Amino acid sequence: MSKLYPIYKPSIAHQLLQMGYVIKDVKPQKQENGTTDYSRCVFMFEEKQGIEYAIKALIKK
């Protein structure tokens, strides 16, 4: 099973998609108290060469 990278910001997820990375799953976001927030989501990207570097570069922008 490959590693998945969670992305919480839609703008970063969008840029990763434009760079050719693939979303493996979309999950509802958990709140601090443990309940599920269905109005927010987490984009789960599959592991691909260079994704860690791309995520770090996009977060620094």
PDB file of N, CA and C in Angstrom:
ATOM      1  N   MET A   1       0.846  -1.187   0.000  1.00  0.00           N
ATOM      2  CA  MET A   1       0.000   0.000   0.000  1.00  0.00           C
ATOM      3  C   MET A   1       0.887   1.244   0.000  1.00  0.00           C
ATOM      4  N   SER A   2       0.586   2.180  -0.874  1.00  0.00           N
ATOM      5  CA  SER A   2       1.404   3.377  -0.967  1.00  0.00           C
ATOM      6  C   SER A   2       0.998   4.387   0.101  1.00  0.00           C
ATOM      7  N   LYS A   3       1.922   5.263   0.388  1.00  0.00           N
ATOM      8  CA  LYS A   3       1.699   6.300   1.392  1.00  0.00           C
ATOM      9  C   LYS A   3       0.777   7.372   0.817  1.00  0.00           C
ATOM     10  N   LEU A   4      -0.078   7.921   1.668  1.00  0.00           N
ATOM     11  CA  LEU A   4      -0.971   9.004   1.256  1.00  0.00           C
ATOM     12  C   LEU A   4      -0.575  10.284   1.976  1.00  0.00           C
ATOM     13  N   TYR A   5      -0.659  11.399   1.283  1.00  0.00           N
ATOM     14  CA  TYR A   5      -0.314  12.701   1.829  1.00  0.00           C
ATOM     15  C   TYR A   5      -1.583  13.532   1.985  1.00  0.00           C
ATOM     16  N   PRO A   6      -1.949  13.904   3.216  1.00  0.00           N
ATOM     17  CA  PRO A   6      -3.157  14.715   3.415  1.00  0.00           C
ATOM     18  C   PRO A   6      -2.888  16.191   3.116  1.00  0.00           C
ATOM     19  N   ILE A   7      -3.778  16.793   2.360  1.00  0.00           N
ATOM     20  CA  ILE A   7      -3.708  18.222   2.041  1.00  0.00           C
ATOM     21  C   ILE A   7      -5.025  18.846   2.487  1.00  0.00           C
ATOM     22  N   TYR A   8      -4.928  19.863   3.334  1.00  0.00           N
ATOM     23  CA  TYR A   8      -6.109  20.490   3.920  1.00  0.00           C
ATOM     24  C   TYR A   8      -6.565  21.744   3.174  1.00  0.00           C
ATOM     25  N   LYS A   9      -5.685  22.355   2.410  1.00  0.00           N
ATOM     26  CA  LYS A   9      -6.041  23.591   1.704  1.00  0.00           C
ATOM     27  C   LYS A   9      -6.387  23.284   0.246  1.00  0.00           C
ATOM     28  N   PRO A  10      -7.601  23.656  -0.181  1.00  0.00           N
ATOM     29  CA  PRO A  10      -7.994  23.401  -1.569  1.00  0.00           C
ATOM     30  C   PRO A  10      -7.064  24.059  -2.594  1.00  0.00           C
ATOM     31  N   SER A  11      -6.502  25.216  -2.264  1.00  0.00           N
ATOM     32  CA  SER A  11      -5.620  25.895  -3.221  1.00  0.00           C
ATOM     33  C   SER A  11      -4.349  25.083  -3.478  1.00  0.00           C
ATOM     34  N   ILE A  12      -3.798  24.467  -2.445  1.00  0.00           N
ATOM     35  CA  ILE A  12      -2.610  23.630  -2.616  1.00  0.00           C
ATOM     36  C   ILE A  12      -2.977  22.352  -3.362  1.00  0.00           C
ATOM     37  N   ALA A  13      -4.129  21.774  -3.038  1.00  0.00           N
ATOM     38  CA  ALA A  13      -4.587  20.576  -3.741  1.00  0.00           C
ATOM     39  C   ALA A  13      -4.755  20.867  -5.235  1.00  0.00           C
ATOM     40  N   HIS A  14      -5.299  22.018  -5.543  1.00  0.00           N
ATOM     41  CA  HIS A  14      -5.498  22.413  -6.940  1.00  0.00           C
ATOM     42  C   HIS A  14      -4.163  22.534  -7.669  1.00  0.00           C
ATOM     43  N   GLN A  15      -3.192  23.158  -7.037  1.00  0.00           N
ATOM     44  CA  GLN A  15      -1.880  23.312  -7.660  1.00  0.00           C
ATOM     45  C   GLN A  15      -1.190  21.955  -7.860  1.00  0.00           C
ATOM     46  N   LEU A  16      -1.333  21.058  -6.892  1.00  0.00           N
ATOM     47  CA  LEU A  16      -0.755  19.719  -7.034  1.00  0.00           C
ATOM     48  C   LEU A  16      -1.393  18.970  -8.207  1.00  0.00           C
ATOM     49  N   LEU A  17      -2.704  19.115  -8.361  1.00  0.00           N
ATOM     50  CA  LEU A  17      -3.390  18.494  -9.495  1.00  0.00           C
ATOM     51  C   LEU A  17      -2.853  19.032 -10.818  1.00  0.00           C
ATOM     52  N   GLN A  18      -2.634  20.349 -10.884  1.00  0.00           N
ATOM     53  CA  GLN A  18      -2.099  20.956 -12.098  1.00  0.00           C
ATOM     54  C   GLN A  18      -0.681  20.468 -12.388  1.00  0.00           C
ATOM     55  N   MET A  19       0.044  20.070 -11.339  1.00  0.00           N
ATOM     56  CA  MET A  19       1.408  19.571 -11.500  1.00  0.00           C
ATOM     57  C   MET A  19       1.421  18.082 -11.881  1.00  0.00           C
ATOM     58  N   GLY A  20       0.241  17.446 -11.924  1.00  0.00           N
ATOM     59  CA  GLY A  20       0.146  16.066 -12.370  1.00  0.00           C
ATOM     60  C   GLY A  20       0.034  15.029 -11.261  1.00  0.00           C
ATOM     61  N   TYR A  21      -0.072  15.477 -10.016  1.00  0.00           N
ATOM     62  CA  TYR A  21      -0.235  14.529  -8.912  1.00  0.00           C
ATOM     63  C   TYR A  21      -1.692  14.099  -8.818  1.00  0.00           C
ATOM     64  N   VAL A  22      -1.933  12.908  -8.274  1.00  0.00           N
ATOM     65  CA  VAL A  22      -3.259  12.292  -8.309  1.00  0.00           C
ATOM     66  C   VAL A  22      -3.873  12.227  -6.915  1.00  0.00           C
ATOM     67  N   ILE A  23      -5.141  12.645  -6.816  1.00  0.00           N
ATOM     68  CA  ILE A  23      -5.891  12.501  -5.571  1.00  0.00           C
ATOM     69  C   ILE A  23      -6.381  11.060  -5.490  1.00  0.00           C
ATOM     70  N   LYS A  24      -6.044  10.395  -4.409  1.00  0.00           N
ATOM     71  CA  LYS A  24      -6.446   8.998  -4.205  1.00  0.00           C
ATOM     72  C   LYS A  24      -7.789   8.913  -3.484  1.00  0.00           C
ATOM     73  N   ASP A  25      -8.070   9.890  -2.595  1.00  0.00           N
ATOM     74  CA  ASP A  25      -9.300   9.865  -1.811  1.00  0.00           C
ATOM     75  C   ASP A  25      -9.591  11.268  -1.292  1.00  0.00           C
ATOM     76  N   VAL A  26     -10.854  11.531  -0.998  1.00  0.00           N
ATOM     77  CA  VAL A  26     -11.283  12.773  -0.359  1.00  0.00           C
ATOM     78  C   VAL A  26     -12.070  12.365   0.876  1.00  0.00           C
ATOM     79  N   LYS A  27     -11.659  12.886   2.025  1.00  0.00           N
ATOM     80  CA  LYS A  27     -12.297  12.496   3.288  1.00  0.00           C
ATOM     81  C   LYS A  27     -12.823  13.724   4.014  1.00  0.00           C
ATOM     82  N   PRO A  28     -13.877  13.568   4.807  1.00  0.00           N
ATOM     83  CA  PRO A  28     -14.335  14.689   5.626  1.00  0.00           C
ATOM     84  C   PRO A  28     -13.304  14.978   6.720  1.00  0.00           C
ATOM     85  N   GLN A  29     -13.209  16.253   7.065  1.00  0.00           N
ATOM     86  CA  GLN A  29     -12.224  16.675   8.064  1.00  0.00           C
ATOM     87  C   GLN A  29     -12.753  16.439   9.479  1.00  0.00           C
ATOM     88  N   LYS A  30     -11.872  16.022  10.375  1.00  0.00           N
ATOM     89  CA  LYS A  30     -12.229  15.813  11.784  1.00  0.00           C
ATOM     90  C   LYS A  30     -12.006  17.107  12.558  1.00  0.00           C
ATOM     91  N   GLN A  31     -12.906  17.412  13.479  1.00  0.00           N
ATOM     92  CA  GLN A  31     -12.744  18.569  14.346  1.00  0.00           C
ATOM     93  C   GLN A  31     -11.941  18.168  15.575  1.00  0.00           C
ATOM     94  N   GLU A  32     -11.533  19.156  16.364  1.00  0.00           N
ATOM     95  CA  GLU A  32     -10.734  18.898  17.560  1.00  0.00           C
ATOM     96  C   GLU A  32     -11.453  18.009  18.565  1.00  0.00           C
ATOM     97  N   ASN A  33     -12.772  18.112  18.636  1.00  0.00           N
ATOM     98  CA  ASN A  33     -13.522  17.314  19.606  1.00  0.00           C
ATOM     99  C   ASN A  33     -13.831  15.899  19.095  1.00  0.00           C
ATOM    100  N   GLY A  34     -13.331  15.573  17.899  1.00  0.00           N
ATOM    101  CA  GLY A  34     -13.490  14.222  17.377  1.00  0.00           C
ATOM    102  C   GLY A  34     -14.665  14.032  16.433  1.00  0.00           C
ATOM    103  N   THR A  35     -15.548  15.012  16.330  1.00  0.00           N
ATOM    104  CA  THR A  35     -16.682  14.881  15.413  1.00  0.00           C
ATOM    105  C   THR A  35     -16.231  15.159  13.980  1.00  0.00           C
ATOM    106  N   THR A  36     -17.030  14.730  13.038  1.00  0.00           N
ATOM    107  CA  THR A  36     -16.710  14.895  11.623  1.00  0.00           C
ATOM    108  C   THR A  36     -17.375  16.147  11.086  1.00  0.00           C
ATOM    109  N   ASP A  37     -16.603  16.952  10.363  1.00  0.00           N
ATOM    110  CA  ASP A  37     -17.102  18.178   9.745  1.00  0.00           C
ATOM    111  C   ASP A  37     -17.259  17.913   8.250  1.00  0.00           C
ATOM    112  N   TYR A  38     -18.487  17.698   7.801  1.00  0.00           N
ATOM    113  CA  TYR A  38     -18.740  17.360   6.404  1.00  0.00           C
ATOM    114  C   TYR A  38     -18.697  18.576   5.483  1.00  0.00           C
ATOM    115  N   SER A  39     -18.547  19.776   6.032  1.00  0.00           N
ATOM    116  CA  SER A  39     -18.449  20.972   5.196  1.00  0.00           C
ATOM    117  C   SER A  39     -17.002  21.251   4.793  1.00  0.00           C
ATOM    118  N   ARG A  40     -16.047  20.502   5.348  1.00  0.00           N
ATOM    119  CA  ARG A  40     -14.630  20.639   5.006  1.00  0.00           C
ATOM    120  C   ARG A  40     -14.096  19.269   4.616  1.00  0.00           C
ATOM    121  N   CYS A  41     -13.076  19.259   3.750  1.00  0.00           N
ATOM    122  CA  CYS A  41     -12.541  17.967   3.343  1.00  0.00           C
ATOM    123  C   CYS A  41     -11.015  17.975   3.326  1.00  0.00           C
ATOM    124  N   VAL A  42     -10.478  16.775   3.345  1.00  0.00           N
ATOM    125  CA  VAL A  42      -9.040  16.551   3.262  1.00  0.00           C
ATOM    126  C   VAL A  42      -8.788  15.800   1.964  1.00  0.00           C
ATOM    127  N   PHE A  43      -7.868  16.308   1.160  1.00  0.00           N
ATOM    128  CA  PHE A  43      -7.512  15.678  -0.105  1.00  0.00           C
ATOM    129  C   PHE A  43      -6.325  14.757   0.145  1.00  0.00           C
ATOM    130  N   MET A  44      -6.489  13.486  -0.156  1.00  0.00           N
ATOM    131  CA  MET A  44      -5.433  12.500   0.076  1.00  0.00           C
ATOM    132  C   MET A  44      -4.738  12.207  -1.256  1.00  0.00           C
ATOM    133  N   PHE A  45      -3.480  12.633  -1.368  1.00  0.00           N
ATOM    134  CA  PHE A  45      -2.703  12.434  -2.591  1.00  0.00           C
ATOM    135  C   PHE A  45      -1.850  11.189  -2.472  1.00  0.00           C
ATOM    136  N   GLU A  46      -1.753  10.446  -3.567  1.00  0.00           N
ATOM    137  CA  GLU A  46      -0.930   9.236  -3.554  1.00  0.00           C
ATOM    138  C   GLU A  46       0.545   9.608  -3.689  1.00  0.00           C
ATOM    139  N   GLU A  47       1.373   8.728  -3.169  1.00  0.00           N
ATOM    140  CA  GLU A  47       2.820   8.940  -3.202  1.00  0.00           C
ATOM    141  C   GLU A  47       3.320   8.863  -4.635  1.00  0.00           C
ATOM    142  N   LYS A  48       4.096   9.854  -5.016  1.00  0.00           N
ATOM    143  CA  LYS A  48       4.688   9.917  -6.341  1.00  0.00           C
ATOM    144  C   LYS A  48       5.997  10.686  -6.194  1.00  0.00           C
ATOM    145  N   GLN A  49       6.960  10.349  -7.000  1.00  0.00           N
ATOM    146  CA  GLN A  49       8.271  10.980  -6.895  1.00  0.00           C
ATOM    147  C   GLN A  49       8.152  12.503  -6.958  1.00  0.00           C
ATOM    148  N   GLY A  50       8.724  13.171  -5.964  1.00  0.00           N
ATOM    149  CA  GLY A  50       8.759  14.618  -5.936  1.00  0.00           C
ATOM    150  C   GLY A  50       7.606  15.287  -5.203  1.00  0.00           C
ATOM    151  N   ILE A  51       6.622  14.527  -4.734  1.00  0.00           N
ATOM    152  CA  ILE A  51       5.458  15.154  -4.112  1.00  0.00           C
ATOM    153  C   ILE A  51       5.818  15.845  -2.794  1.00  0.00           C
ATOM    154  N   GLU A  52       6.715  15.263  -2.016  1.00  0.00           N
ATOM    155  CA  GLU A  52       7.094  15.899  -0.758  1.00  0.00           C
ATOM    156  C   GLU A  52       7.726  17.260  -1.004  1.00  0.00           C
ATOM    157  N   TYR A  53       8.620  17.338  -1.990  1.00  0.00           N
ATOM    158  CA  TYR A  53       9.258  18.598  -2.336  1.00  0.00           C
ATOM    159  C   TYR A  53       8.221  19.603  -2.836  1.00  0.00           C
ATOM    160  N   ALA A  54       7.290  19.146  -3.666  1.00  0.00           N
ATOM    161  CA  ALA A  54       6.255  20.033  -4.213  1.00  0.00           C
ATOM    162  C   ALA A  54       5.368  20.588  -3.103  1.00  0.00           C
ATOM    163  N   ILE A  55       4.983  19.747  -2.157  1.00  0.00           N
ATOM    164  CA  ILE A  55       4.136  20.199  -1.041  1.00  0.00           C
ATOM    165  C   ILE A  55       4.874  21.243  -0.220  1.00  0.00           C
ATOM    166  N   LYS A  56       6.127  20.973   0.117  1.00  0.00           N
ATOM    167  CA  LYS A  56       6.914  21.932   0.908  1.00  0.00           C
ATOM    168  C   LYS A  56       7.066  23.257   0.180  1.00  0.00           C
ATOM    169  N   ALA A  57       7.306  23.214  -1.125  1.00  0.00           N
ATOM    170  CA  ALA A  57       7.461  24.428  -1.913  1.00  0.00           C
ATOM    171  C   ALA A  57       6.161  25.231  -1.969  1.00  0.00           C
ATOM    172  N   LEU A  58       5.032  24.557  -2.106  1.00  0.00           N
ATOM    173  CA  LEU A  58       3.747  25.251  -2.179  1.00  0.00           C
ATOM    174  C   LEU A  58       3.348  25.840  -0.823  1.00  0.00           C
ATOM    175  N   ILE A  59       3.683  25.175   0.251  1.00  0.00           N
ATOM    176  CA  ILE A  59       3.351  25.686   1.582  1.00  0.00           C
ATOM    177  C   ILE A  59       4.144  26.944   1.894  1.00  0.00           C
ATOM    178  N   LYS A  60       5.392  27.018   1.408  1.00  0.00           N
ATOM    179  CA  LYS A  60       6.248  28.179   1.662  1.00  0.00           C
ATOM    180  C   LYS A  60       5.809  29.425   0.918  1.00  0.00           C
ATOM    181  N   LYS A  61       5.020  29.272  -0.148  1.00  0.00           N
ATOM    182  CA  LYS A  61       4.573  30.433  -0.951  1.00  0.00           C
ATOM    183  C   LYS A  61       3.725  31.378  -0.149  1.00  0.00           C
TER     184      LYS A  61
END
